[in-house]
Structures are given as structure tokens and as C-alpha cells.
């Protein structure tokens, strides 16, 4: 992996992994949305609004190219916000990965809490 992207030799592998993930793991409604013209349009609108810069880096006075447009409220939490521009932010890979890790940790703690409710 290079600083910005996967090297030429690994791009094909990454695409194949992503196809498998989309087909067997990811919510199909979400996959269909991310492949839609609606998403592609609103994604570009968010990037233009944010000047193609990561909003987290920019807030710290650092100018980093945004690679990802992220839903602030995740699709699985409120699908109706999927194309709402105010629910989107442009992020670099580093900040997107940090946000995703925080969301995953939060979800896991909620599931664990819910599992304990059954014990009385």
C-alpha cells in the first residue's frame, strides 16, 4: 500500500475482496445505494462543499485530500438520511478508519450490554 492508495499489484486483489464482502456480508440495500446515481451525485456535492479536503484534518489546520465521503449517522441507523448533505463529511482514509473503528467499538459495547439484559 502506498501513502494514498493500493499499489498497482494489489488493486485487483482489493477489488475482488470488496466484491466478496459486498456480496456476502454487506446489507444489499446499502450496496445498491452506494452504486446508484443518487449516491454518486451527493458524494460529489459533499466533496465540492468541503473543497475535496478532509474536514477533520482541516479543523486542525492541516490540508489533506479527502478520499472518502462518510455518513455522520450511519445508513444502518437511519437510511432516510442517506442523501442528506448535512449528514455527509469528507474524510481522509486515516480519519475514516478512526471513525469506523469508534463506531464498531460502540456497536459492540451496545450488543454486549443488550446480551446482559437477558440474565436475571
Foldseek 3Di string as FASTA:
>chain_A
DDPADDDPVCPVVVVVVVVVCQVPPDDVVVVVVCPDPLLVVLFVVQCVVVVQFAPVCVVVVHGDGFPDKDFQQDCVRPVVCSRPSVRIGTHGPVVVVVVVVVVVVVVVVVVVVVVCVVPD
